[in-house]
C-alpha atoms as a PDB file:
ATOM      1  CA  MET A   1       3.221 -18.217 -36.622  1.00  0.00           C
ATOM      2  CA  LEU A   2       5.391 -15.559 -35.423  1.00  0.00           C
ATOM      3  CA  VAL A   3       6.749 -13.842 -32.046  1.00  0.00           C
ATOM      4  CA  ARG A   4       8.706 -10.848 -30.975  1.00  0.00           C
ATOM      5  CA  LEU A   5       9.810 -10.567 -27.570  1.00  0.00           C
ATOM      6  CA  THR A   6      10.891  -7.099 -25.948  1.00  0.00           C
ATOM      7  CA  ASP A   7      10.597  -6.627 -22.667  1.00  0.00           C
ATOM      8  CA  THR A   8       9.744 -10.173 -21.514  1.00  0.00           C
ATOM      9  CA  TRP A   9      13.380 -10.873 -22.714  1.00  0.00           C
ATOM     10  CA  THR A  10      14.938  -8.101 -21.636  1.00  0.00           C
ATOM     11  CA  GLU A  11      13.383  -8.790 -18.010  1.00  0.00           C
ATOM     12  CA  ILE A  12      14.745 -12.155 -18.048  1.00  0.00           C
ATOM     13  CA  LEU A  13      18.338 -10.642 -19.038  1.00  0.00           C
ATOM     14  CA  ARG A  14      18.441  -8.060 -16.502  1.00  0.00           C
ATOM     15  CA  ARG A  15      17.334 -10.570 -13.443  1.00  0.00           C
ATOM     16  CA  ARG A  16      20.417 -12.474 -15.067  1.00  0.00           C
ATOM     17  CA  ALA A  17      22.798  -9.573 -14.987  1.00  0.00           C
ATOM     18  CA  SER A  18      21.553  -8.326 -11.648  1.00  0.00           C
ATOM     19  CA  ASN A  19      22.084 -12.256  -9.619  1.00  0.00           C
ATOM     20  CA  THR A  20      24.649 -11.048  -7.601  1.00  0.00           C
ATOM     21  CA  SER A  21      24.289 -13.912  -5.365  1.00  0.00           C
ATOM     22  CA  THR A  22      25.580 -16.883  -7.859  1.00  0.00           C
ATOM     23  CA  GLY A  23      28.178 -14.356  -8.989  1.00  0.00           C
ATOM     24  CA  THR A  24      27.871 -15.380 -12.547  1.00  0.00           C
ATOM     25  CA  GLY A  25      27.032 -11.994 -14.429  1.00  0.00           C
ATOM     26  CA  ALA A  26      25.371 -11.567 -17.528  1.00  0.00           C
ATOM     27  CA  TYR A  27      25.556 -14.318 -20.122  1.00  0.00           C
ATOM     28  CA  ALA A  28      28.185 -14.205 -23.111  1.00  0.00           C
ATOM     29  CA  ALA A  29      26.637 -13.807 -25.773  1.00  0.00           C
ATOM     30  CA  PRO A  30      26.670 -16.762 -27.883  1.00  0.00           C
ATOM     31  CA  VAL A  31      24.862 -17.953 -24.672  1.00  0.00           C
ATOM     32  CA  ARG A  32      22.412 -15.288 -24.452  1.00  0.00           C
ATOM     33  CA  ASP A  33      21.678 -15.872 -27.988  1.00  0.00           C
ATOM     34  CA  VAL A  34      20.856 -19.707 -27.682  1.00  0.00           C
ATOM     35  CA  LEU A  35      18.647 -18.976 -24.960  1.00  0.00           C
ATOM     36  CA  GLY A  36      16.825 -16.225 -26.846  1.00  0.00           C
ATOM     37  CA  GLN A  37      16.114 -18.730 -29.601  1.00  0.00           C
ATOM     38  CA  LEU A  38      14.716 -21.084 -26.972  1.00  0.00           C
ATOM     39  CA  VAL A  39      12.529 -18.702 -25.566  1.00  0.00           C
ATOM     40  CA  ALA A  40      11.014 -17.698 -28.786  1.00  0.00           C
ATOM     41  CA  ALA A  41      11.180 -21.255 -29.932  1.00  0.00           C
ATOM     42  CA  ALA A  42       8.779 -22.263 -26.837  1.00  0.00           C
ATOM     43  CA  THR A  43       6.447 -19.668 -26.554  1.00  0.00           C
ATOM     44  CA  LEU A  44       6.154 -20.416 -30.394  1.00  0.00           C
ATOM     45  CA  MET A  45       5.122 -24.205 -29.792  1.00  0.00           C
ATOM     46  CA  GLN A  46       3.360 -23.551 -26.798  1.00  0.00           C
ATOM     47  CA  SER A  47       0.842 -21.281 -28.750  1.00  0.00           C
ATOM     48  CA  ASN A  48       0.921 -23.580 -31.600  1.00  0.00           C
ATOM     49  CA  ILE A  49      -0.023 -26.642 -29.527  1.00  0.00           C
ATOM     50  CA  LYS A  50      -2.557 -24.689 -26.746  1.00  0.00           C
ATOM     51  CA  PHE A  51      -1.548 -27.191 -24.430  1.00  0.00           C
ATOM     52  CA  ASP A  52      -3.211 -27.225 -20.827  1.00  0.00           C
ATOM     53  CA  GLY A  53      -0.056 -27.650 -18.846  1.00  0.00           C
ATOM     54  CA  SER A  54       3.261 -26.211 -19.063  1.00  0.00           C
ATOM     55  CA  LEU A  55       5.863 -27.116 -21.948  1.00  0.00           C
ATOM     56  CA  ILE A  56       9.486 -27.044 -21.147  1.00  0.00           C
ATOM     57  CA  LEU A  57      12.606 -26.827 -23.955  1.00  0.00           C
ATOM     58  CA  GLN A  58      15.868 -27.990 -22.862  1.00  0.00           C
ATOM     59  CA  ILE A  59      19.269 -28.383 -24.686  1.00  0.00           C
ATOM     60  CA  LEU A  60      21.615 -30.423 -22.169  1.00  0.00           C
ATOM     61  CA  GLY A  61      25.213 -30.147 -23.182  1.00  0.00           C
ATOM     62  CA  ASP A  62      28.295 -31.523 -23.166  1.00  0.00           C
ATOM     63  CA  GLY A  63      30.463 -28.679 -23.014  1.00  0.00           C
ATOM     64  CA  PRO A  64      30.342 -25.331 -21.229  1.00  0.00           C
ATOM     65  CA  LEU A  65      27.178 -24.717 -21.506  1.00  0.00           C
ATOM     66  CA  LYS A  66      25.281 -27.340 -19.493  1.00  0.00           C
ATOM     67  CA  LEU A  67      22.052 -26.658 -19.513  1.00  0.00           C
ATOM     68  CA  ALA A  68      19.329 -23.625 -20.994  1.00  0.00           C
ATOM     69  CA  VAL A  69      15.631 -24.638 -20.607  1.00  0.00           C
ATOM     70  CA  VAL A  70      12.511 -22.397 -20.941  1.00  0.00           C
ATOM     71  CA  GLU A  71       9.424 -22.835 -19.553  1.00  0.00           C
ATOM     72  CA  VAL A  72       6.151 -21.732 -20.664  1.00  0.00           C
ATOM     73  CA  GLN A  73       2.744 -21.798 -19.163  1.00  0.00           C
ATOM     74  CA  PRO A  74      -0.709 -22.268 -20.782  1.00  0.00           C
ATOM     75  CA  ASP A  75      -1.283 -18.758 -20.865  1.00  0.00           C
ATOM     76  CA  LEU A  76       2.249 -17.930 -22.002  1.00  0.00           C
ATOM     77  CA  ALA A  77       3.711 -16.515 -18.642  1.00  0.00           C
ATOM     78  CA  LEU A  78       7.371 -18.161 -19.223  1.00  0.00           C
ATOM     79  CA  ARG A  79      10.737 -17.990 -17.358  1.00  0.00           C
ATOM     80  CA  ALA A  80      14.138 -18.813 -18.874  1.00  0.00           C
ATOM     81  CA  THR A  81      17.917 -19.606 -17.499  1.00  0.00           C
ATOM     82  CA  ALA A  82      21.086 -21.236 -18.064  1.00  0.00           C
ATOM     83  CA  THR A  83      23.777 -22.548 -16.497  1.00  0.00           C
ATOM     84  CA  VAL A  84      27.602 -22.431 -17.801  1.00  0.00           C
ATOM     85  CA  ILE A  85      30.632 -23.801 -16.782  1.00  0.00           C
ATOM     86  CA  GLY A  86      33.880 -21.762 -17.019  1.00  0.00           C
ATOM     87  CA  PRO A  87      34.387 -19.128 -19.812  1.00  0.00           C
ATOM     88  CA  VAL A  88      32.723 -18.995 -23.122  1.00  0.00           C
ATOM     89  CA  ASP A  89      34.421 -17.692 -26.346  1.00  0.00           C
ATOM     90  CA  GLU A  90      32.597 -14.563 -28.211  1.00  0.00           C
ATOM     91  CA  VAL A  91      32.348 -16.502 -31.572  1.00  0.00           C
ATOM     92  CA  ALA A  92      31.967 -19.833 -29.652  1.00  0.00           C
ATOM     93  CA  THR A  93      29.280 -21.914 -32.169  1.00  0.00           C
ATOM     94  CA  LEU A  94      26.762 -23.896 -30.974  1.00  0.00           C
ATOM     95  CA  SER A  95      28.305 -27.094 -31.102  1.00  0.00           C
ATOM     96  CA  GLN A  96      31.351 -25.815 -29.051  1.00  0.00           C
ATOM     97  CA  MET A  97      29.018 -24.659 -26.631  1.00  0.00           C
ATOM     98  CA  VAL A  98      26.916 -27.710 -26.065  1.00  0.00           C
ATOM     99  CA  ASN A  99      27.563 -30.692 -27.921  1.00  0.00           C
ATOM    100  CA  HIS A 100      31.773 -30.928 -27.403  1.00  0.00           C
ATOM    101  CA  SER A 101      31.962 -34.597 -27.224  1.00  0.00           C
ATOM    102  CA  ARG A 102      28.665 -35.139 -29.143  1.00  0.00           C
ATOM    103  CA  GLN A 103      26.695 -35.977 -25.834  1.00  0.00           C
ATOM    104  CA  GLY A 104      24.458 -33.348 -26.314  1.00  0.00           C
ATOM    105  CA  ARG A 105      20.339 -33.447 -26.395  1.00  0.00           C
ATOM    106  CA  CYS A 106      17.439 -31.663 -26.727  1.00  0.00           C
ATOM    107  CA  ALA A 107      14.367 -32.528 -24.345  1.00  0.00           C
ATOM    108  CA  ILE A 108      10.630 -31.436 -24.609  1.00  0.00           C
ATOM    109  CA  THR A 109       8.679 -32.202 -21.825  1.00  0.00           C
ATOM    110  CA  LEU A 110       5.055 -31.458 -21.708  1.00  0.00           C
ATOM    111  CA  ASP A 111       3.609 -31.366 -18.547  1.00  0.00           C
ATOM    112  CA  PRO A 112      -0.160 -31.242 -17.799  1.00  0.00           C
ATOM    113  CA  VAL A 113      -1.789 -29.293 -15.498  1.00  0.00           C
ATOM    114  CA  ALA A 114      -4.911 -32.073 -14.348  1.00  0.00           C
ATOM    115  CA  LYS A 115      -2.621 -35.445 -14.324  1.00  0.00           C
ATOM    116  CA  LEU A 116      -4.809 -38.752 -14.134  1.00  0.00           C
ATOM    117  CA  PRO A 117      -3.110 -40.795 -11.098  1.00  0.00           C
ATOM    118  CA  GLY A 118       0.236 -42.443 -12.190  1.00  0.00           C
ATOM    119  CA  GLN A 119       0.305 -40.134 -14.959  1.00  0.00           C
ATOM    120  CA  GLN A 120       3.951 -38.815 -16.092  1.00  0.00           C
ATOM    121  CA  PRO A 121       4.473 -35.937 -18.008  1.00  0.00           C
ATOM    122  CA  TYR A 122       4.955 -36.893 -21.678  1.00  0.00           C
ATOM    123  CA  GLN A 123       9.202 -36.137 -22.856  1.00  0.00           C
ATOM    124  CA  GLY A 124      11.063 -36.654 -26.506  1.00  0.00           C
ATOM    125  CA  VAL A 125      14.567 -36.034 -26.326  1.00  0.00           C
ATOM    126  CA  VAL A 126      16.836 -36.665 -29.426  1.00  0.00           C
ATOM    127  CA  PRO A 127      20.738 -36.054 -30.102  1.00  0.00           C
ATOM    128  CA  LEU A 128      22.084 -32.953 -31.282  1.00  0.00           C
ATOM    129  CA  VAL A 129      23.381 -34.583 -34.491  1.00  0.00           C
ATOM    130  CA  ASP A 130      21.845 -34.767 -38.093  1.00  0.00           C
ATOM    131  CA  ASN A 131      20.953 -38.196 -40.164  1.00  0.00           C
ATOM    132  CA  GLN A 132      24.963 -38.386 -40.468  1.00  0.00           C
ATOM    133  CA  GLY A 133      25.862 -37.942 -36.978  1.00  0.00           C
ATOM    134  CA  GLN A 134      27.230 -34.642 -37.544  1.00  0.00           C
ATOM    135  CA  PRO A 135      26.895 -31.748 -34.564  1.00  0.00           C
ATOM    136  CA  MET A 136      23.885 -29.243 -36.282  1.00  0.00           C
ATOM    137  CA  GLU A 137      24.813 -25.606 -35.297  1.00  0.00           C
ATOM    138  CA  THR A 138      21.398 -23.744 -35.466  1.00  0.00           C
ATOM    139  CA  VAL A 139      18.549 -24.189 -32.709  1.00  0.00           C
ATOM    140  CA  SER A 140      16.102 -24.193 -36.191  1.00  0.00           C
ATOM    141  CA  ALA A 141      17.900 -27.430 -37.246  1.00  0.00           C
ATOM    142  CA  ILE A 142      18.025 -29.623 -33.916  1.00  0.00           C
ATOM    143  CA  LEU A 143      14.134 -28.362 -33.123  1.00  0.00           C
ATOM    144  CA  GLU A 144      13.549 -29.075 -36.682  1.00  0.00           C
ATOM    145  CA  GLN A 145      14.517 -32.598 -36.107  1.00  0.00           C
ATOM    146  CA  TYR A 146      12.720 -33.251 -33.111  1.00  0.00           C
ATOM    147  CA  MET A 147       9.205 -32.477 -34.615  1.00  0.00           C
ATOM    148  CA  ARG A 148      10.317 -34.799 -37.498  1.00  0.00           C
ATOM    149  CA  GLN A 149      11.150 -37.437 -35.537  1.00  0.00           C
ATOM    150  CA  SER A 150       9.365 -36.842 -32.374  1.00  0.00           C
ATOM    151  CA  GLU A 151       6.349 -35.680 -33.602  1.00  0.00           C
ATOM    152  CA  GLN A 152       5.973 -36.711 -37.325  1.00  0.00           C
ATOM    153  CA  LEU A 153       5.139 -33.062 -37.631  1.00  0.00           C
ATOM    154  CA  ASP A 154       6.989 -30.940 -40.712  1.00  0.00           C
ATOM    155  CA  THR A 155       8.239 -28.099 -39.574  1.00  0.00           C
ATOM    156  CA  THR A 156      10.263 -24.848 -40.565  1.00  0.00           C
ATOM    157  CA  LEU A 157      12.016 -22.648 -37.686  1.00  0.00           C
ATOM    158  CA  VAL A 158      13.389 -19.274 -38.038  1.00  0.00           C
ATOM    159  CA  LEU A 159      14.846 -17.887 -34.912  1.00  0.00           C
ATOM    160  CA  ALA A 160      17.063 -15.245 -33.783  1.00  0.00           C
ATOM    161  CA  ALA A 161      18.003 -12.974 -30.628  1.00  0.00           C
ATOM    162  CA  ASN A 162      20.104 -10.442 -29.850  1.00  0.00           C
ATOM    163  CA  GLU A 163      20.380  -8.646 -26.347  1.00  0.00           C
ATOM    164  CA  GLN A 164      16.967  -6.524 -27.323  1.00  0.00           C
ATOM    165  CA  ILE A 165      15.027  -8.833 -28.703  1.00  0.00           C
ATOM    166  CA  ALA A 166      13.870 -12.623 -29.361  1.00  0.00           C
ATOM    167  CA  ALA A 167      12.096 -13.841 -32.063  1.00  0.00           C
ATOM    168  CA  GLY A 168      10.868 -16.459 -34.250  1.00  0.00           C
ATOM    169  CA  LEU A 169       9.014 -17.706 -37.420  1.00  0.00           C
ATOM    170  CA  LEU A 170       7.091 -21.180 -36.795  1.00  0.00           C
ATOM    171  CA  ILE A 171       5.592 -22.744 -40.173  1.00  0.00           C
ATOM    172  CA  GLN A 172       4.017 -26.167 -39.915  1.00  0.00           C
ATOM    173  CA  ARG A 173       2.163 -28.475 -42.529  1.00  0.00           C
ATOM    174  CA  LEU A 174      -1.282 -29.290 -41.269  1.00  0.00           C
ATOM    175  CA  PRO A 175      -3.042 -32.762 -41.519  1.00  0.00           C
ATOM    176  CA  ALA A 176      -4.686 -33.134 -45.124  1.00  0.00           C
ATOM    177  CA  GLN A 177      -6.362 -36.065 -46.733  1.00  0.00           C
ATOM    178  CA  GLY A 178      -6.936 -36.324 -50.541  1.00  0.00           C
ATOM    179  CA  GLN A 179      -4.638 -33.646 -51.469  1.00  0.00           C
ATOM    180  CA  GLY A 180      -1.557 -34.440 -53.515  1.00  0.00           C
ATOM    181  CA  SER A 181       0.103 -30.765 -53.954  1.00  0.00           C
ATOM    182  CA  VAL A 182       0.124 -30.406 -50.145  1.00  0.00           C
ATOM    183  CA  ASP A 183       3.867 -31.614 -49.966  1.00  0.00           C
ATOM    184  CA  GLU A 184       4.754 -28.816 -52.690  1.00  0.00           C
ATOM    185  CA  HIS A 185       2.410 -26.185 -51.300  1.00  0.00           C
ATOM    186  CA  TYR A 186       4.689 -26.511 -47.533  1.00  0.00           C
ATOM    187  CA  GLN A 187       8.124 -27.070 -49.505  1.00  0.00           C
ATOM    188  CA  ARG A 188       6.998 -23.371 -51.224  1.00  0.00           C
ATOM    189  CA  ILE A 189       6.309 -21.750 -48.047  1.00  0.00           C
ATOM    190  CA  SER A 190       9.017 -23.257 -46.038  1.00  0.00           C
ATOM    191  CA  ILE A 191      11.573 -21.838 -48.748  1.00  0.00           C
ATOM    192  CA  LEU A 192      10.128 -18.175 -48.408  1.00  0.00           C
ATOM    193  CA  ALA A 193      10.128 -18.537 -44.629  1.00  0.00           C
ATOM    194  CA  LYS A 194      13.676 -19.468 -44.550  1.00  0.00           C
ATOM    195  CA  SER A 195      14.845 -16.540 -46.909  1.00  0.00           C
ATOM    196  CA  LEU A 196      13.821 -14.698 -44.008  1.00  0.00           C
ATOM    197  CA  GLN A 197      17.392 -13.460 -42.631  1.00  0.00           C
ATOM    198  CA  ARG A 198      18.322 -12.501 -39.221  1.00  0.00           C
ATOM    199  CA  GLU A 199      18.332  -9.117 -39.700  1.00  0.00           C
ATOM    200  CA  GLU A 200      15.270  -8.622 -40.939  1.00  0.00           C
ATOM    201  CA  LEU A 201      13.433 -11.014 -37.839  1.00  0.00           C
ATOM    202  CA  LEU A 202      15.014  -8.832 -35.516  1.00  0.00           C
ATOM    203  CA  THR A 203      14.632  -5.243 -37.036  1.00  0.00           C
ATOM    204  CA  LEU A 204      11.417  -5.491 -38.993  1.00  0.00           C
ATOM    205  CA  ASP A 205       7.771  -5.370 -37.678  1.00  0.00           C
ATOM    206  CA  VAL A 206       5.558  -7.876 -38.469  1.00  0.00           C
ATOM    207  CA  GLN A 207       3.568  -6.544 -41.001  1.00  0.00           C
ATOM    208  CA  THR A 208       6.512  -6.312 -43.053  1.00  0.00           C
ATOM    209  CA  ILE A 209       7.971  -9.568 -42.528  1.00  0.00           C
ATOM    210  CA  LEU A 210       4.743 -10.843 -43.634  1.00  0.00           C
ATOM    211  CA  HIS A 211       4.851  -8.911 -47.113  1.00  0.00           C
ATOM    212  CA  ARG A 212       8.570  -9.344 -47.483  1.00  0.00           C
ATOM    213  CA  LEU A 213       7.801 -12.916 -47.585  1.00  0.00           C
ATOM    214  CA  PHE A 214       4.331 -13.818 -48.803  1.00  0.00           C
ATOM    215  CA  TRP A 215       3.407 -10.631 -50.802  1.00  0.00           C
ATOM    216  CA  GLN A 216       2.343 -13.161 -53.695  1.00  0.00           C
ATOM    217  CA  GLU A 217       0.262 -15.544 -51.553  1.00  0.00           C
ATOM    218  CA  GLN A 218      -3.347 -14.805 -49.970  1.00  0.00           C
ATOM    219  CA  VAL A 219      -2.325 -14.324 -46.250  1.00  0.00           C
ATOM    220  CA  ARG A 220      -5.337 -14.448 -43.563  1.00  0.00           C
ATOM    221  CA  GLN A 221      -3.690 -12.544 -40.311  1.00  0.00           C
ATOM    222  CA  PHE A 222      -5.308 -13.003 -36.828  1.00  0.00           C
ATOM    223  CA  GLU A 223      -5.317 -10.384 -34.372  1.00  0.00           C
ATOM    224  CA  PRO A 224      -2.337 -10.550 -32.535  1.00  0.00           C
ATOM    225  CA  LEU A 225      -2.194 -11.170 -28.732  1.00  0.00           C
ATOM    226  CA  GLN A 226      -1.990  -8.136 -26.257  1.00  0.00           C
ATOM    227  CA  ARG A 227      -1.725  -7.372 -22.925  1.00  0.00           C
ATOM    228  CA  LYS A 228      -2.554 -10.235 -20.351  1.00  0.00           C
ATOM    229  CA  ASN A 229      -2.808 -12.843 -23.157  1.00  0.00           C
ATOM    230  CA  ALA A 230       0.585 -12.072 -24.737  1.00  0.00           C
ATOM    231  CA  PRO A 231       4.042 -13.642 -23.432  1.00  0.00           C
ATOM    232  CA  ARG A 232       5.345 -12.285 -20.431  1.00  0.00           C
ATOM    233  CA  PHE A 233       8.213 -13.266 -17.707  1.00  0.00           C
ATOM    234  CA  ALA A 234       6.781 -14.755 -14.424  1.00  0.00           C
ATOM    235  CA  CYS A 235       8.481 -17.430 -12.407  1.00  0.00           C
ATOM    236  CA  SER A 236       6.461 -20.072 -10.673  1.00  0.00           C
ATOM    237  CA  CYS A 237       8.949 -20.293  -7.753  1.00  0.00           C
ATOM    238  CA  SER A 238       8.033 -19.790  -4.003  1.00  0.00           C
ATOM    239  CA  ARG A 239       9.453 -20.426  -0.109  1.00  0.00           C
ATOM    240  CA  GLU A 240       7.081 -23.465  -0.078  1.00  0.00           C
ATOM    241  CA  ARG A 241       8.818 -25.055  -3.008  1.00  0.00           C
ATOM    242  CA  VAL A 242      11.982 -24.422  -1.762  1.00  0.00           C
ATOM    243  CA  ALA A 243      11.116 -25.326   1.783  1.00  0.00           C
ATOM    244  CA  ARG A 244      10.265 -29.002  -0.155  1.00  0.00           C
ATOM    245  CA  MET A 245      13.395 -29.330  -1.690  1.00  0.00           C
ATOM    246  CA  ILE A 246      15.122 -28.727   1.659  1.00  0.00           C
ATOM    247  CA  VAL A 247      12.409 -31.683   3.188  1.00  0.00           C
ATOM    248  CA  GLY A 248      14.223 -33.488   0.467  1.00  0.00           C
ATOM    249  CA  LEU A 249      17.533 -32.737   1.669  1.00  0.00           C
ATOM    250  CA  GLY A 250      17.021 -34.996   4.295  1.00  0.00           C
ATOM    251  CA  GLN A 251      17.892 -33.850   7.921  1.00  0.00           C
ATOM    252  CA  ALA A 252      21.338 -34.766   8.178  1.00  0.00           C
ATOM    253  CA  GLU A 253      22.326 -32.538   5.053  1.00  0.00           C
ATOM    254  CA  ALA A 254      20.120 -29.912   6.331  1.00  0.00           C
ATOM    255  CA  HIS A 255      21.992 -29.927   9.546  1.00  0.00           C
ATOM    256  CA  SER A 256      25.137 -30.269   7.770  1.00  0.00           C
ATOM    257  CA  ILE A 257      24.793 -27.254   5.934  1.00  0.00           C
ATOM    258  CA  LEU A 258      23.584 -24.976   9.039  1.00  0.00           C
ATOM    259  CA  ALA A 259      27.086 -26.681  11.052  1.00  0.00           C
ATOM    260  CA  GLU A 260      28.998 -24.205   8.903  1.00  0.00           C
ATOM    261  CA  ARG A 261      26.720 -21.352   7.904  1.00  0.00           C
ATOM    262  CA  ALA A 262      24.276 -19.108   9.900  1.00  0.00           C
ATOM    263  CA  ASP A 263      21.095 -20.224   6.975  1.00  0.00           C
ATOM    264  CA  ILE A 264      20.693 -22.309   4.220  1.00  0.00           C
ATOM    265  CA  GLU A 265      20.157 -19.901   1.213  1.00  0.00           C
ATOM    266  CA  VAL A 266      18.687 -20.987  -2.043  1.00  0.00           C
ATOM    267  CA  ALA A 267      18.559 -18.384  -5.122  1.00  0.00           C
ATOM    268  CA  CYS A 268      16.155 -18.802  -7.912  1.00  0.00           C
ATOM    269  CA  ASP A 269      17.922 -19.140 -11.291  1.00  0.00           C
ATOM    270  CA  PHE A 270      14.866 -18.197 -13.274  1.00  0.00           C
ATOM    271  CA  CYS A 271      14.215 -14.878 -11.218  1.00  0.00           C
ATOM    272  CA  GLY A 272      17.301 -14.032  -9.145  1.00  0.00           C
ATOM    273  CA  LEU A 273      14.909 -14.075  -5.816  1.00  0.00           C
ATOM    274  CA  GLN A 274      16.748 -15.568  -2.919  1.00  0.00           C
ATOM    275  CA  TYR A 275      15.132 -17.564   0.308  1.00  0.00           C
ATOM    276  CA  ARG A 276      16.668 -17.929   3.313  1.00  0.00           C
ATOM    277  CA  PHE A 277      15.984 -20.431   6.054  1.00  0.00           C
ATOM    278  CA  ASP A 278      17.731 -20.199   9.589  1.00  0.00           C
ATOM    279  CA  ALA A 279      18.184 -22.817  11.949  1.00  0.00           C
ATOM    280  CA  VAL A 280      14.883 -22.352  13.580  1.00  0.00           C
ATOM    281  CA  ASP A 281      13.050 -22.131  10.253  1.00  0.00           C
ATOM    282  CA  VAL A 282      14.523 -25.566   9.163  1.00  0.00           C
ATOM    283  CA  ALA A 283      13.300 -27.473  12.667  1.00  0.00           C
ATOM    284  CA  GLN A 284      10.086 -26.504  11.877  1.00  0.00           C
ATOM    285  CA  LEU A 285       9.925 -27.884   8.251  1.00  0.00           C
ATOM    286  CA  PHE A 286      11.073 -31.128  10.048  1.00  0.00           C
ATOM    287  CA  VAL A 287       8.442 -31.210  12.663  1.00  0.00           C
ATOM    288  CA  ALA A 288       5.705 -30.355  10.269  1.00  0.00           C
ATOM    289  CA  SER A 289       6.990 -32.877   7.962  1.00  0.00           C
ATOM    290  CA  MET A 290       6.830 -35.475  10.150  1.00  0.00           C
ATOM    291  CA  LEU A 291       3.469 -34.669  11.275  1.00  0.00           C
ATOM    292  CA  GLN A 292       2.404 -34.803   8.282  1.00  0.00           C
ATOM    293  CA  SER A 293       3.989 -38.042   7.165  1.00  0.00           C
ATOM    294  CA  PRO A 294       1.584 -41.044   7.602  1.00  0.00           C
ATOM    295  CA  GLY A 295       1.273 -43.007  10.402  1.00  0.00           C
ATOM    296  CA  SER A 296       3.404 -40.698  12.528  1.00  0.00           C
ATOM    297  CA  PRO A 297       2.744 -40.466  15.650  1.00  0.00           C
ATOM    298  CA  VAL A 298       0.396 -37.169  16.892  1.00  0.00           C
ATOM    299  CA  ALA A 299       0.423 -35.757  20.388  1.00  0.00           C
ATOM    300  CA  HIS A 300      -2.774 -35.346  22.550  1.00  0.00           C
END
């Protein structure tokens, strides 16, 4: 599977750069490239498994890049953000950004749309070090290890991103029985895929990439996803979700915030949209919450 995100990716970057509420500004180039590779990888993975729920791909770091997260819905609507604390050197490596003390983690969560009672989302977590305990320096290596350890699936990923494109190529071995040469075939295709260079992935069209890599193979190409079925930016934040978060803080905490300022202001990290709740709004939230609580008194 091969994905090339242009408008979707630049929209994510544009919203980050224009989000004045946090004062963070645009991502440093190394952070941008890591997040773009995660966006491409998460899109490929969701499209590949066709899961009826959201796929959330996260890297949790112990360096300046504390969190990079991508959420992709079943229809390939997606959003992404990164949390950065402090400056990031323009030539910082992946391990310097997210695995400074070798405490970084990669997590993939599958959250089904239709949950059974008591059902929890599935989550797999792996460290950002290889089998010898050495820090891994590419997003593709981290995710390949995740697929081997958590899913027992041989996977090859080639990922790249810049300020205009986030792109990725995924090769995965299908389950097979009674075919002794399956490993040999997969290894050959994997080696060919790994020969794809970053600049080729970012600049060449799909047809050219496939021809360069697999010109000796019999390639059957499916129709690319278009328009409403294609990956696109979409954020699921809402005033109702923010309201539930404020109620979750508790009345005392909400009132302490209002004692210092005129309203509670929450900005979405993904899309930059700002939500404001003044004292009247907050009072109404807690009254409504009390009325909805089991056993709460009801006035007649």
